[in-house]
C-alpha atoms as a PDB file:
ATOM      1  CA  UNK A   1     110.358 145.375  39.074  1.00  0.00           C
ATOM      2  CA  UNK A   2     112.798 146.755  36.304  1.00  0.00           C
ATOM      3  CA  UNK A   3     116.072 148.470  38.044  1.00  0.00           C
ATOM      4  CA  UNK A   4     115.135 151.839  36.947  1.00  0.00           C
ATOM      5  CA  UNK A   5     111.698 152.290  38.050  1.00  0.00           C
ATOM      6  CA  UNK A   6     113.124 150.480  41.152  1.00  0.00           C
ATOM      7  CA  UNK A   7     115.505 153.551  41.457  1.00  0.00           C
ATOM      8  CA  UNK A   8     112.722 156.610  40.694  1.00  0.00           C
ATOM      9  CA  UNK A   9     113.518 159.375  42.472  1.00  0.00           C
ATOM     10  CA  UNK A  10     111.039 163.276  42.708  1.00  0.00           C
ATOM     11  CA  UNK A  11     112.957 165.763  44.282  1.00  0.00           C
ATOM     12  CA  UNK A  12     110.536 168.256  46.153  1.00  0.00           C
ATOM     13  CA  UNK A  13     111.023 172.742  46.602  1.00  0.00           C
ATOM     14  CA  UNK A  14     109.163 173.761  48.831  1.00  0.00           C
ATOM     15  CA  UNK A  15     108.514 177.918  48.401  1.00  0.00           C
ATOM     16  CA  UNK A  16     106.425 180.452  48.725  1.00  0.00           C
ATOM     17  CA  UNK A  17     108.981 182.631  46.183  1.00  0.00           C
ATOM     18  CA  UNK A  18     110.359 179.992  44.107  1.00  0.00           C
ATOM     19  CA  UNK A  19     106.669 178.823  42.984  1.00  0.00           C
ATOM     20  CA  UNK A  20     106.106 182.676  42.314  1.00  0.00           C
ATOM     21  CA  UNK A  21     108.662 182.802  40.031  1.00  0.00           C
ATOM     22  CA  UNK A  22     110.411 185.538  42.198  1.00  0.00           C
ATOM     23  CA  UNK A  23     113.617 183.637  43.139  1.00  0.00           C
ATOM     24  CA  UNK A  24     115.222 180.714  41.176  1.00  0.00           C
ATOM     25  CA  UNK A  25     115.281 177.456  43.074  1.00  0.00           C
ATOM     26  CA  UNK A  26     118.737 176.636  43.368  1.00  0.00           C
ATOM     27  CA  UNK A  27     118.442 173.727  45.958  1.00  0.00           C
ATOM     28  CA  UNK A  28     116.180 171.288  43.868  1.00  0.00           C
ATOM     29  CA  UNK A  29     118.384 171.526  41.037  1.00  0.00           C
ATOM     30  CA  UNK A  30     121.190 170.455  43.361  1.00  0.00           C
ATOM     31  CA  UNK A  31     119.236 167.097  44.864  1.00  0.00           C
ATOM     32  CA  UNK A  32     118.458 166.231  41.340  1.00  0.00           C
ATOM     33  CA  UNK A  33     122.054 166.104  39.610  1.00  0.00           C
ATOM     34  CA  UNK A  34     123.331 164.675  43.155  1.00  0.00           C
ATOM     35  CA  UNK A  35     120.685 161.842  43.051  1.00  0.00           C
ATOM     36  CA  UNK A  36     121.170 161.551  39.212  1.00  0.00           C
ATOM     37  CA  UNK A  37     124.856 160.982  40.000  1.00  0.00           C
ATOM     38  CA  UNK A  38     124.296 158.580  41.885  1.00  0.00           C
ATOM     39  CA  UNK A  39     122.233 156.424  39.736  1.00  0.00           C
ATOM     40  CA  UNK A  40     118.851 157.528  40.722  1.00  0.00           C
ATOM     41  CA  UNK A  41     116.428 158.141  37.155  1.00  0.00           C
ATOM     42  CA  UNK A  42     115.276 162.105  38.246  1.00  0.00           C
ATOM     43  CA  UNK A  43     112.978 164.420  36.105  1.00  0.00           C
ATOM     44  CA  UNK A  44     113.881 168.966  37.435  1.00  0.00           C
ATOM     45  CA  UNK A  45     112.012 169.136  40.627  1.00  0.00           C
ATOM     46  CA  UNK A  46     108.865 170.135  41.381  1.00  0.00           C
ATOM     47  CA  UNK A  47     108.329 173.346  42.697  1.00  0.00           C
ATOM     48  CA  UNK A  48     105.496 174.592  45.369  1.00  0.00           C
ATOM     49  CA  UNK A  49     103.959 176.879  47.171  1.00  0.00           C
ATOM     50  CA  UNK A  50     104.639 176.060  51.405  1.00  0.00           C
ATOM     51  CA  UNK A  51     101.653 174.604  53.035  1.00  0.00           C
ATOM     52  CA  UNK A  52     100.735 171.638  54.682  1.00  0.00           C
ATOM     53  CA  UNK A  53      98.853 171.032  52.096  1.00  0.00           C
ATOM     54  CA  UNK A  54     100.596 171.737  48.619  1.00  0.00           C
ATOM     55  CA  UNK A  55     103.877 169.745  50.354  1.00  0.00           C
ATOM     56  CA  UNK A  56     101.232 166.562  51.110  1.00  0.00           C
ATOM     57  CA  UNK A  57      99.912 166.767  47.581  1.00  0.00           C
ATOM     58  CA  UNK A  58     103.323 167.147  45.623  1.00  0.00           C
ATOM     59  CA  UNK A  59     103.875 163.956  48.424  1.00  0.00           C
ATOM     60  CA  UNK A  60     101.089 162.197  47.056  1.00  0.00           C
ATOM     61  CA  UNK A  61     101.320 162.962  43.714  1.00  0.00           C
ATOM     62  CA  UNK A  62     104.942 161.659  44.266  1.00  0.00           C
ATOM     63  CA  UNK A  63     103.780 158.645  45.201  1.00  0.00           C
ATOM     64  CA  UNK A  64     101.437 157.787  42.743  1.00  0.00           C
ATOM     65  CA  UNK A  65     103.782 158.485  40.044  1.00  0.00           C
ATOM     66  CA  UNK A  66     106.127 155.402  41.723  1.00  0.00           C
ATOM     67  CA  UNK A  67     109.239 157.470  42.603  1.00  0.00           C
ATOM     68  CA  UNK A  68     111.046 155.594  45.922  1.00  0.00           C
ATOM     69  CA  UNK A  69     112.842 157.863  46.855  1.00  0.00           C
ATOM     70  CA  UNK A  70     111.492 161.303  47.473  1.00  0.00           C
ATOM     71  CA  UNK A  71     113.467 164.709  48.776  1.00  0.00           C
ATOM     72  CA  UNK A  72     111.905 167.482  49.377  1.00  0.00           C
ATOM     73  CA  UNK A  73     114.411 171.111  49.744  1.00  0.00           C
ATOM     74  CA  UNK A  74     112.751 173.707  51.904  1.00  0.00           C
ATOM     75  CA  UNK A  75     109.834 174.277  54.635  1.00  0.00           C
ATOM     76  CA  UNK A  76     110.682 172.344  57.412  1.00  0.00           C
ATOM     77  CA  UNK A  77     112.298 175.511  59.695  1.00  0.00           C
ATOM     78  CA  UNK A  78     110.122 177.091  62.877  1.00  0.00           C
ATOM     79  CA  UNK A  79     109.216 180.461  60.235  1.00  0.00           C
ATOM     80  CA  UNK A  80     105.112 180.439  59.918  1.00  0.00           C
ATOM     81  CA  UNK A  81     104.601 178.768  57.190  1.00  0.00           C
ATOM     82  CA  UNK A  82     106.881 175.893  57.551  1.00  0.00           C
ATOM     83  CA  UNK A  83     104.931 173.016  56.563  1.00  0.00           C
ATOM     84  CA  UNK A  84     106.817 170.869  55.285  1.00  0.00           C
ATOM     85  CA  UNK A  85     107.245 167.396  58.374  1.00  0.00           C
ATOM     86  CA  UNK A  86     103.096 168.579  58.127  1.00  0.00           C
ATOM     87  CA  UNK A  87     102.928 167.655  55.282  1.00  0.00           C
ATOM     88  CA  UNK A  88     104.460 165.135  55.686  1.00  0.00           C
ATOM     89  CA  UNK A  89     103.361 163.358  58.960  1.00  0.00           C
ATOM     90  CA  UNK A  90     100.328 161.959  57.389  1.00  0.00           C
ATOM     91  CA  UNK A  91     101.447 159.882  55.049  1.00  0.00           C
ATOM     92  CA  UNK A  92     103.979 158.241  56.378  1.00  0.00           C
ATOM     93  CA  UNK A  93     103.427 154.494  57.831  1.00  0.00           C
ATOM     94  CA  UNK A  94     106.786 154.747  59.742  1.00  0.00           C
ATOM     95  CA  UNK A  95     109.028 157.226  60.455  1.00  0.00           C
ATOM     96  CA  UNK A  96     113.582 156.599  60.135  1.00  0.00           C
ATOM     97  CA  UNK A  97     113.707 158.956  63.382  1.00  0.00           C
ATOM     98  CA  UNK A  98     117.971 158.286  62.901  1.00  0.00           C
ATOM     99  CA  UNK A  99     118.212 159.836  59.124  1.00  0.00           C
ATOM    100  CA  UNK A 100     116.191 163.056  60.161  1.00  0.00           C
ATOM    101  CA  UNK A 101     118.813 163.104  63.429  1.00  0.00           C
ATOM    102  CA  UNK A 102     121.687 162.126  61.465  1.00  0.00           C
ATOM    103  CA  UNK A 103     121.133 164.869  59.289  1.00  0.00           C
ATOM    104  CA  UNK A 104     120.090 167.911  62.008  1.00  0.00           C
ATOM    105  CA  UNK A 105     123.560 166.458  63.835  1.00  0.00           C
ATOM    106  CA  UNK A 106     125.621 167.237  60.732  1.00  0.00           C
ATOM    107  CA  UNK A 107     125.024 170.090  59.479  1.00  0.00           C
ATOM    108  CA  UNK A 108     125.022 171.465  63.538  1.00  0.00           C
ATOM    109  CA  UNK A 109     128.700 170.824  63.265  1.00  0.00           C
ATOM    110  CA  UNK A 110     128.830 173.780  60.808  1.00  0.00           C
ATOM    111  CA  UNK A 111     125.463 175.777  60.986  1.00  0.00           C
ATOM    112  CA  UNK A 112     124.581 175.513  64.808  1.00  0.00           C
ATOM    113  CA  UNK A 113     121.131 177.010  63.965  1.00  0.00           C
ATOM    114  CA  UNK A 114     120.560 173.382  61.576  1.00  0.00           C
ATOM    115  CA  UNK A 115     119.134 171.591  65.446  1.00  0.00           C
ATOM    116  CA  UNK A 116     116.070 173.437  64.588  1.00  0.00           C
ATOM    117  CA  UNK A 117     115.349 171.630  61.305  1.00  0.00           C
ATOM    118  CA  UNK A 118     112.154 169.863  62.348  1.00  0.00           C
ATOM    119  CA  UNK A 119     112.721 168.009  58.657  1.00  0.00           C
ATOM    120  CA  UNK A 120     111.031 164.507  58.964  1.00  0.00           C
ATOM    121  CA  UNK A 121     112.409 160.439  56.815  1.00  0.00           C
ATOM    122  CA  UNK A 122     110.197 157.921  57.026  1.00  0.00           C
ATOM    123  CA  UNK A 123     108.699 155.305  54.100  1.00  0.00           C
ATOM    124  CA  UNK A 124     105.414 156.035  53.415  1.00  0.00           C
ATOM    125  CA  UNK A 125     103.279 153.725  50.854  1.00  0.00           C
ATOM    126  CA  UNK A 126     103.180 153.931  46.527  1.00  0.00           C
ATOM    127  CA  UNK A 127     102.532 153.354  43.658  1.00  0.00           C
ATOM    128  CA  UNK A 128     105.470 151.143  43.269  1.00  0.00           C
ATOM    129  CA  UNK A 129     105.697 149.895  46.301  1.00  0.00           C
ATOM    130  CA  UNK A 130     106.665 151.909  49.289  1.00  0.00           C
ATOM    131  CA  UNK A 131     109.310 154.879  49.246  1.00  0.00           C
ATOM    132  CA  UNK A 132     111.379 156.136  51.233  1.00  0.00           C
ATOM    133  CA  UNK A 133     110.818 160.111  52.099  1.00  0.00           C
ATOM    134  CA  UNK A 134     113.238 162.679  53.846  1.00  0.00           C
ATOM    135  CA  UNK A 135     112.962 166.187  54.168  1.00  0.00           C
ATOM    136  CA  UNK A 136     115.725 168.795  53.907  1.00  0.00           C
ATOM    137  CA  UNK A 137     116.106 172.137  54.856  1.00  0.00           C
ATOM    138  CA  UNK A 138     116.313 174.806  51.929  1.00  0.00           C
ATOM    139  CA  UNK A 139     120.236 176.050  51.292  1.00  0.00           C
ATOM    140  CA  UNK A 140     121.874 173.961  48.659  1.00  0.00           C
ATOM    141  CA  UNK A 141     124.593 173.350  51.758  1.00  0.00           C
ATOM    142  CA  UNK A 142     121.879 171.943  53.501  1.00  0.00           C
ATOM    143  CA  UNK A 143     121.171 169.345  49.901  1.00  0.00           C
ATOM    144  CA  UNK A 144     125.044 168.608  49.691  1.00  0.00           C
ATOM    145  CA  UNK A 145     124.961 167.746  53.133  1.00  0.00           C
ATOM    146  CA  UNK A 146     121.551 165.276  53.337  1.00  0.00           C
ATOM    147  CA  UNK A 147     122.177 163.099  50.349  1.00  0.00           C
ATOM    148  CA  UNK A 148     125.344 162.394  51.786  1.00  0.00           C
ATOM    149  CA  UNK A 149     123.519 160.890  54.235  1.00  0.00           C
ATOM    150  CA  UNK A 150     120.563 159.651  52.832  1.00  0.00           C
ATOM    151  CA  UNK A 151     122.544 157.796  49.999  1.00  0.00           C
ATOM    152  CA  UNK A 152     124.530 155.644  51.381  1.00  0.00           C
ATOM    153  CA  UNK A 153     121.138 154.380  52.652  1.00  0.00           C
ATOM    154  CA  UNK A 154     118.551 155.218  50.040  1.00  0.00           C
ATOM    155  CA  UNK A 155     118.830 151.732  48.277  1.00  0.00           C
ATOM    156  CA  UNK A 156     119.440 149.329  50.875  1.00  0.00           C
ATOM    157  CA  UNK A 157     116.602 150.835  52.190  1.00  0.00           C
ATOM    158  CA  UNK A 158     114.291 150.034  49.055  1.00  0.00           C
ATOM    159  CA  UNK A 159     115.771 146.615  49.120  1.00  0.00           C
ATOM    160  CA  UNK A 160     114.850 146.287  52.300  1.00  0.00           C
ATOM    161  CA  UNK A 161     111.483 147.239  51.775  1.00  0.00           C
ATOM    162  CA  UNK A 162     110.993 145.180  48.978  1.00  0.00           C
ATOM    163  CA  UNK A 163     111.903 142.177  50.937  1.00  0.00           C
ATOM    164  CA  UNK A 164     114.860 141.468  49.371  1.00  0.00           C
ATOM    165  CA  UNK A 165     117.609 140.111  51.765  1.00  0.00           C
ATOM    166  CA  UNK A 166     120.191 142.438  53.124  1.00  0.00           C
END
């Protein structure tokens, strides 16, 4: 597998307001910038409305498109339409709870309500092999903190998924 395909990332912003054009997506483009700066190939974010089905469909499409790393932004809270974890969980073949726990722990250092995030992290099957999927909260600060946690692990996770030595 070539290196570019191996380091293909997709960012999915989950927001009713951004999907309707009522609010500019700020967190998704920031995630793309951070991924690109770390050497990942990433197109502009895909924006979908809140809800379990829209998240599952967007994740399924990203996996079919060959993503090895998928970052979602938004929909991890406790509001009625925050269903990103519900759309993610059915696609995961293995959860990585330590990543989600660390995201909440780091977030709570500056925003106490970060412990309410229900975001997941785990492995999903895709057309280019298994992929790392990480749900981040929707704020720019949460995306910046979350990528700081996730990026140092992502290449190692892909190496392990591909059976390379660790």
